[in-house]
Structure formats: C-alpha cells, structure tokens
Amino acid sequence: ASAQTVLKVGSTPTGSPFTFLETKTNTIDGVMVDIVNAVGKEAGFGVQIEPMQFSALIASLTSKRIDLISAAMFITPTRQEVVDFSLPIYSYGEGVVVLKQDTVAYQSFADMKGKRVGVQVGTAFVDPLQKSGLFSEVKLYETTSDLMRDANAGRIDAGVLDYPIAAFAVAKGQFPNLRMVTSFKPTMVNSIGMATRKGDTELMGKVNAAVTKLKANGVIDGILKKWGL
C-alpha cells in the first residue's frame, strides 16, 4: 500500500473556538482543526496544520504553500472567484462587543452611528462597515485579540467580529471589561467552509463526501458541541 498523502492545511493561531494556538502543546487546536482531522481520517489523507495569519491564507493556498484551508472563513462570492469552497460546515453572523458600562441595547449598526469601531483585516465585515459611512472611524486590526484588547481598553467604542469567536472570548473572561451586545441582529450571516485551489476537484470531492458523511453520522455535531457551539 502507498504511504498516506499528508496535506498541508492552513489555519490561524487566533480565532477561538474555531482555531487557536493551544499554548500548552504549542499546536493549533479548535473546531476547524478537529473537523479537518475527522475529514482526513474519513477521506484517507493525513493532516499537517500550517499556522498563519488569516489574511495570508488564500495567497498561501493559491501559491501552493498549502493544499487546504480549514479556518473560520466565510464562503463569499469574492473569495469563490479565487478558491473553491466545500459544503457549508457552520453558519453565523457578526457579533458586537462594547464596554460593560455601555448598556445600550444596540440592534443595528445604525444605532451605533458616529462611534469608533474596530474590525479584523481580511474579514467579510470590513467592506460593509467602511461603506456604511456611519462611523467616525473604522479601525483595522491584524488579529481578533488585538481588536478585543483595544475594545477592552476603551480605545474603540465597539468591536465587530465573528459572533462565536467574540462570545467564546467574553465567556472565558479574557476581556473582563467587555460584554456581548446580545440585542444586536446580525445582517451578515454566512457559512464557513474549507477551501481548496480552484479546479482541485479530486480533493474537493473527497472533502465534500467526508463532510456529508460526518454530518449524517453526528461527528460534526459532536465537535461543535465539544466547543460550545
């Protein structure tokens, strides 16, 4: 029998609970790591996680430094022009964090007019926030932790990021001055999927067959539950 193919999988050190650096073991852990490992096991390939910033994932895939992306990456039309996405794995929208002393029940971005908001570079939230013309400042951050830190320190009025990532960090007490704006109604609800290079139909076929099976047999649900989703 031939040795098992090992695929290089791009993932990010920031993005709990989807992907994050587990400092005890110095490895990337999280929902999308568990899922890609389960997919590899099902489809018959090994997985080597390659950590990198979120904004570098697509370029690394197209330049063949990695073979697959498994991170909290939304399936968007813009990205679909460059890469191919698997079947949707999980859906959610944007979340908003503010300082605890700000008790306003914001429901929409319009309610936050004139505020300084922060958002992570490369995410699907950047364009809509910049184009809305609602905010006094839209500050860009390399990582979600930088964004949350600035929000926690009151250097911005609100942070806009993936709802589950924000909720996970707030629930863990990592940013004690922040609260989730639970009244907020997300408008950018989307699904995350794994990505392959355009035209890598063989790998995508294997990934989708595995995802379909792991959804049907409860493995993916079990992984989501394990991480509190």
Protein backbone atom coordinates (compact mmCIF):
# COMPACT_ATOMS: atom_id res chain seq x y z
CA ALA A 1 0.00 0.00 0.00
CA SER A 2 1.21 3.51 -0.76
CA ALA A 3 2.10 5.81 2.13
CA GLN A 4 -0.74 8.09 3.15
CA THR A 5 -0.78 11.50 1.49
CA VAL A 6 -0.23 14.27 4.02
CA LEU A 7 -1.90 17.56 3.13
CA LYS A 8 -0.75 20.93 4.39
CA VAL A 9 -3.73 22.70 5.94
CA GLY A 10 -3.71 26.45 6.56
CA SER A 11 -5.18 27.54 9.87
CA THR A 12 -4.91 30.55 12.17
CA PRO A 13 -3.50 30.98 15.69
CA THR A 14 -6.31 33.42 16.57
CA GLY A 15 -9.99 32.60 16.21
CA SER A 16 -11.17 30.55 19.22
CA PRO A 17 -13.16 28.37 19.25
CA PHE A 18 -12.62 27.66 15.51
CA THR A 19 -8.83 27.76 15.54
CA PHE A 20 -6.35 28.96 18.14
CA LEU A 21 -2.87 28.33 19.49
CA GLU A 22 -3.01 25.89 22.40
CA THR A 23 -0.07 27.22 24.40
CA LYS A 24 0.45 24.05 26.49
CA THR A 25 1.19 21.95 23.40
CA ASN A 26 2.17 24.80 21.05
CA THR A 27 -0.21 23.43 18.40
CA ILE A 28 -3.27 24.83 16.66
CA ASP A 29 -6.50 23.47 18.13
CA GLY A 30 -10.22 24.15 17.75
CA VAL A 31 -13.37 23.28 15.83
CA MET A 32 -11.91 23.54 12.32
CA VAL A 33 -8.81 21.54 13.34
CA ASP A 34 -10.96 18.75 14.78
CA ILE A 35 -13.15 18.82 11.67
CA VAL A 36 -10.27 18.73 9.17
CA ASN A 37 -8.69 15.85 11.14
CA ALA A 38 -12.00 13.97 11.04
CA VAL A 39 -12.35 14.71 7.30
CA GLY A 40 -8.79 13.49 6.67
CA LYS A 41 -9.43 10.30 8.60
CA GLU A 42 -12.64 9.69 6.62
CA ALA A 43 -11.12 10.62 3.22
CA GLY A 44 -7.79 8.87 3.77
CA PHE A 45 -5.31 11.73 3.97
CA GLY A 46 -3.02 12.93 6.76
CA VAL A 47 -3.19 16.50 8.04
CA GLN A 48 -0.29 18.83 8.76
CA ILE A 49 -1.54 22.13 10.22
CA GLU A 50 0.35 25.20 8.96
CA PRO A 51 -0.34 28.21 11.22
CA MET A 52 -0.56 31.67 9.60
CA GLN A 53 -2.41 34.98 9.82
CA PHE A 54 -5.95 34.89 8.47
CA SER A 55 -5.10 37.46 5.78
CA ALA A 56 -2.35 35.15 4.39
CA LEU A 57 -4.49 32.01 3.98
CA ILE A 58 -5.81 32.48 0.44
CA ALA A 59 -2.45 33.61 -1.02
CA SER A 60 -0.77 30.59 0.61
CA LEU A 61 -3.35 28.29 -0.97
CA THR A 62 -3.16 29.76 -4.48
CA SER A 63 0.67 29.75 -4.39
CA LYS A 64 0.59 26.05 -3.34
CA ARG A 65 2.30 26.56 0.04
CA ILE A 66 -0.75 24.78 1.49
CA ASP A 67 -3.35 22.42 -0.04
CA LEU A 68 -6.44 23.21 2.02
CA ILE A 69 -7.77 25.97 4.28
CA SER A 70 -9.63 24.99 7.44
CA ALA A 71 -10.40 28.10 9.50
CA ALA A 72 -13.29 30.43 10.33
CA MET A 73 -13.51 31.53 6.69
CA PHE A 74 -16.87 32.60 5.27
CA ILE A 75 -17.89 31.34 1.85
CA THR A 76 -18.30 34.62 -0.08
CA PRO A 77 -18.73 35.34 -3.81
CA THR A 78 -15.49 37.38 -3.83
CA ARG A 79 -13.49 34.51 -2.36
CA GLN A 80 -15.23 31.99 -4.64
CA GLU A 81 -13.65 33.76 -7.60
CA VAL A 82 -10.23 32.76 -6.24
CA VAL A 83 -10.75 29.45 -4.39
CA ASP A 84 -13.29 26.62 -4.24
CA PHE A 85 -15.27 26.02 -1.06
CA SER A 86 -16.63 22.84 0.46
CA LEU A 87 -20.21 22.35 1.57
CA PRO A 88 -21.09 24.71 4.45
CA ILE A 89 -19.93 23.46 7.83
CA TYR A 90 -21.37 26.06 10.23
CA SER A 91 -23.34 29.32 9.88
CA TYR A 92 -23.27 32.51 11.94
CA GLY A 93 -23.12 36.29 11.64
CA GLU A 94 -21.22 39.22 13.08
CA GLY A 95 -21.14 39.92 16.79
CA VAL A 96 -20.60 43.23 18.53
CA VAL A 97 -18.65 43.80 21.75
CA VAL A 98 -18.74 47.02 23.79
CA LEU A 99 -17.57 48.10 27.23
CA LYS A 100 -19.77 46.81 30.07
CA GLN A 101 -20.66 50.34 31.16
CA ASP A 102 -22.21 50.91 27.71
CA THR A 103 -25.61 49.34 28.40
CA VAL A 104 -27.38 50.49 25.21
CA ALA A 105 -29.37 47.69 23.55
CA TYR A 106 -27.94 48.25 20.06
CA GLN A 107 -29.88 46.35 17.41
CA SER A 108 -28.16 47.55 14.25
CA PHE A 109 -25.14 49.49 13.03
CA ALA A 110 -27.41 52.50 12.52
CA ASP A 111 -27.87 52.57 16.33
CA MET A 112 -24.07 52.94 16.63
CA LYS A 113 -23.75 55.97 14.36
CA GLY A 114 -20.69 58.13 15.00
CA LYS A 115 -18.84 55.51 17.02
CA ARG A 116 -15.28 54.25 16.56
CA VAL A 117 -15.46 50.61 15.55
CA GLY A 118 -12.74 48.01 15.10
CA VAL A 119 -12.69 45.11 12.64
CA GLN A 120 -10.17 42.47 11.55
CA VAL A 121 -8.36 42.83 8.21
CA GLY A 122 -9.44 40.30 5.58
CA THR A 123 -12.83 39.56 7.13
CA ALA A 124 -16.16 39.91 5.30
CA PHE A 125 -17.17 42.68 7.73
CA VAL A 126 -14.60 45.29 6.61
CA ASP A 127 -16.28 46.46 3.38
CA PRO A 128 -19.83 46.88 4.72
CA LEU A 129 -18.56 48.83 7.75
CA GLN A 130 -16.35 51.12 5.66
CA LYS A 131 -19.04 51.68 3.02
CA SER A 132 -21.82 52.36 5.55
CA GLY A 133 -20.48 55.86 6.26
CA LEU A 134 -21.98 55.54 9.75
CA PHE A 135 -18.85 55.52 11.87
CA SER A 136 -16.39 58.21 12.92
CA GLU A 137 -13.63 55.64 12.49
CA VAL A 138 -13.29 52.07 11.20
CA LYS A 139 -10.03 50.85 12.68
CA LEU A 140 -8.39 47.76 11.15
CA TYR A 141 -6.63 45.05 13.17
CA GLU A 142 -4.38 42.15 12.15
CA THR A 143 -5.86 39.77 14.75
CA THR A 144 -9.06 39.37 16.74
CA SER A 145 -7.10 39.50 20.01
CA ASP A 146 -5.64 42.93 19.11
CA LEU A 147 -9.14 44.09 18.28
CA MET A 148 -10.61 42.77 21.55
CA ARG A 149 -7.71 44.25 23.57
CA ASP A 150 -8.33 47.73 22.15
CA ALA A 151 -12.06 47.42 22.77
CA ASN A 152 -11.36 46.21 26.33
CA ALA A 153 -9.11 49.25 26.90
CA GLY A 154 -11.75 51.64 25.53
CA ARG A 155 -9.59 52.73 22.58
CA ILE A 156 -12.53 51.95 20.28
CA ASP A 157 -16.25 52.05 21.15
CA ALA A 158 -17.18 48.70 19.62
CA GLY A 159 -15.57 45.65 18.05
CA VAL A 160 -17.23 43.81 15.18
CA LEU A 161 -16.13 40.21 14.65
CA ASP A 162 -17.35 36.63 14.21
CA TYR A 163 -20.09 36.16 16.82
CA PRO A 164 -18.86 32.77 18.14
CA ILE A 165 -15.25 33.99 18.42
CA ALA A 166 -16.33 37.08 20.36
CA ALA A 167 -18.77 35.15 22.58
CA PHE A 168 -16.16 32.49 23.37
CA ALA A 169 -13.53 35.08 24.44
CA VAL A 170 -16.04 37.07 26.52
CA ALA A 171 -17.43 33.93 28.20
CA LYS A 172 -13.87 32.83 29.07
CA GLY A 173 -13.33 36.17 30.84
CA GLN A 174 -10.32 37.04 28.69
CA PHE A 175 -11.54 40.63 28.28
CA PRO A 176 -13.18 41.49 31.61
CA ASN A 177 -14.40 44.98 30.59
CA LEU A 178 -16.39 43.76 27.58
CA ARG A 179 -19.91 42.46 27.04
CA MET A 180 -21.58 40.87 24.01
CA VAL A 181 -24.35 43.03 22.59
CA THR A 182 -26.99 40.29 22.70
CA SER A 183 -29.70 42.63 21.33
CA PHE A 184 -27.77 43.07 18.06
CA LYS A 185 -29.32 41.49 14.94
CA PRO A 186 -26.60 40.31 12.55
CA THR A 187 -27.08 41.16 8.88
CA MET A 188 -24.01 39.36 7.52
CA VAL A 189 -24.97 35.79 8.35
CA ASN A 190 -22.87 33.38 6.35
CA SER A 191 -21.41 29.89 6.37
CA ILE A 192 -17.86 28.73 6.84
CA GLY A 193 -16.37 26.01 4.68
CA MET A 194 -12.99 24.55 3.84
CA ALA A 195 -11.25 25.83 0.73
CA THR A 196 -9.16 24.19 -1.98
CA ARG A 197 -7.43 25.62 -5.02
CA LYS A 198 -9.70 26.32 -7.99
CA GLY A 199 -10.10 23.18 -10.05
CA ASP A 200 -8.72 20.79 -7.42
CA THR A 201 -11.87 18.74 -7.94
CA GLU A 202 -10.44 15.44 -6.73
CA LEU A 203 -9.59 16.80 -3.27
CA MET A 204 -12.84 18.76 -3.06
CA GLY A 205 -14.82 15.64 -3.96
CA LYS A 206 -13.15 13.74 -1.11
CA VAL A 207 -13.68 16.62 1.35
CA ASN A 208 -17.37 17.01 0.49
CA ALA A 209 -18.04 13.27 0.64
CA ALA A 210 -16.42 13.19 4.10
CA VAL A 211 -18.30 16.31 5.32
CA THR A 212 -21.61 14.82 4.14
CA LYS A 213 -20.93 11.58 5.97
CA LEU A 214 -19.68 13.28 9.15
CA LYS A 215 -22.77 15.50 9.22
CA ALA A 216 -25.04 12.47 8.82
CA ASN A 217 -23.35 10.33 11.48
CA GLY A 218 -23.20 13.11 14.09
CA VAL A 219 -19.42 13.53 14.21
CA ILE A 220 -19.52 17.21 13.16
CA ASP A 221 -22.35 17.93 15.63
CA GLY A 222 -20.27 16.30 18.36
CA ILE A 223 -17.28 18.51 17.54
CA LEU A 224 -19.45 21.67 17.55
CA LYS A 225 -20.93 20.68 20.93
CA LYS A 226 -17.48 19.96 22.37
CA TRP A 227 -16.53 23.59 21.62
CA GLY A 228 -19.80 25.04 22.95
CA LEU A 229 -21.38 25.91 19.60
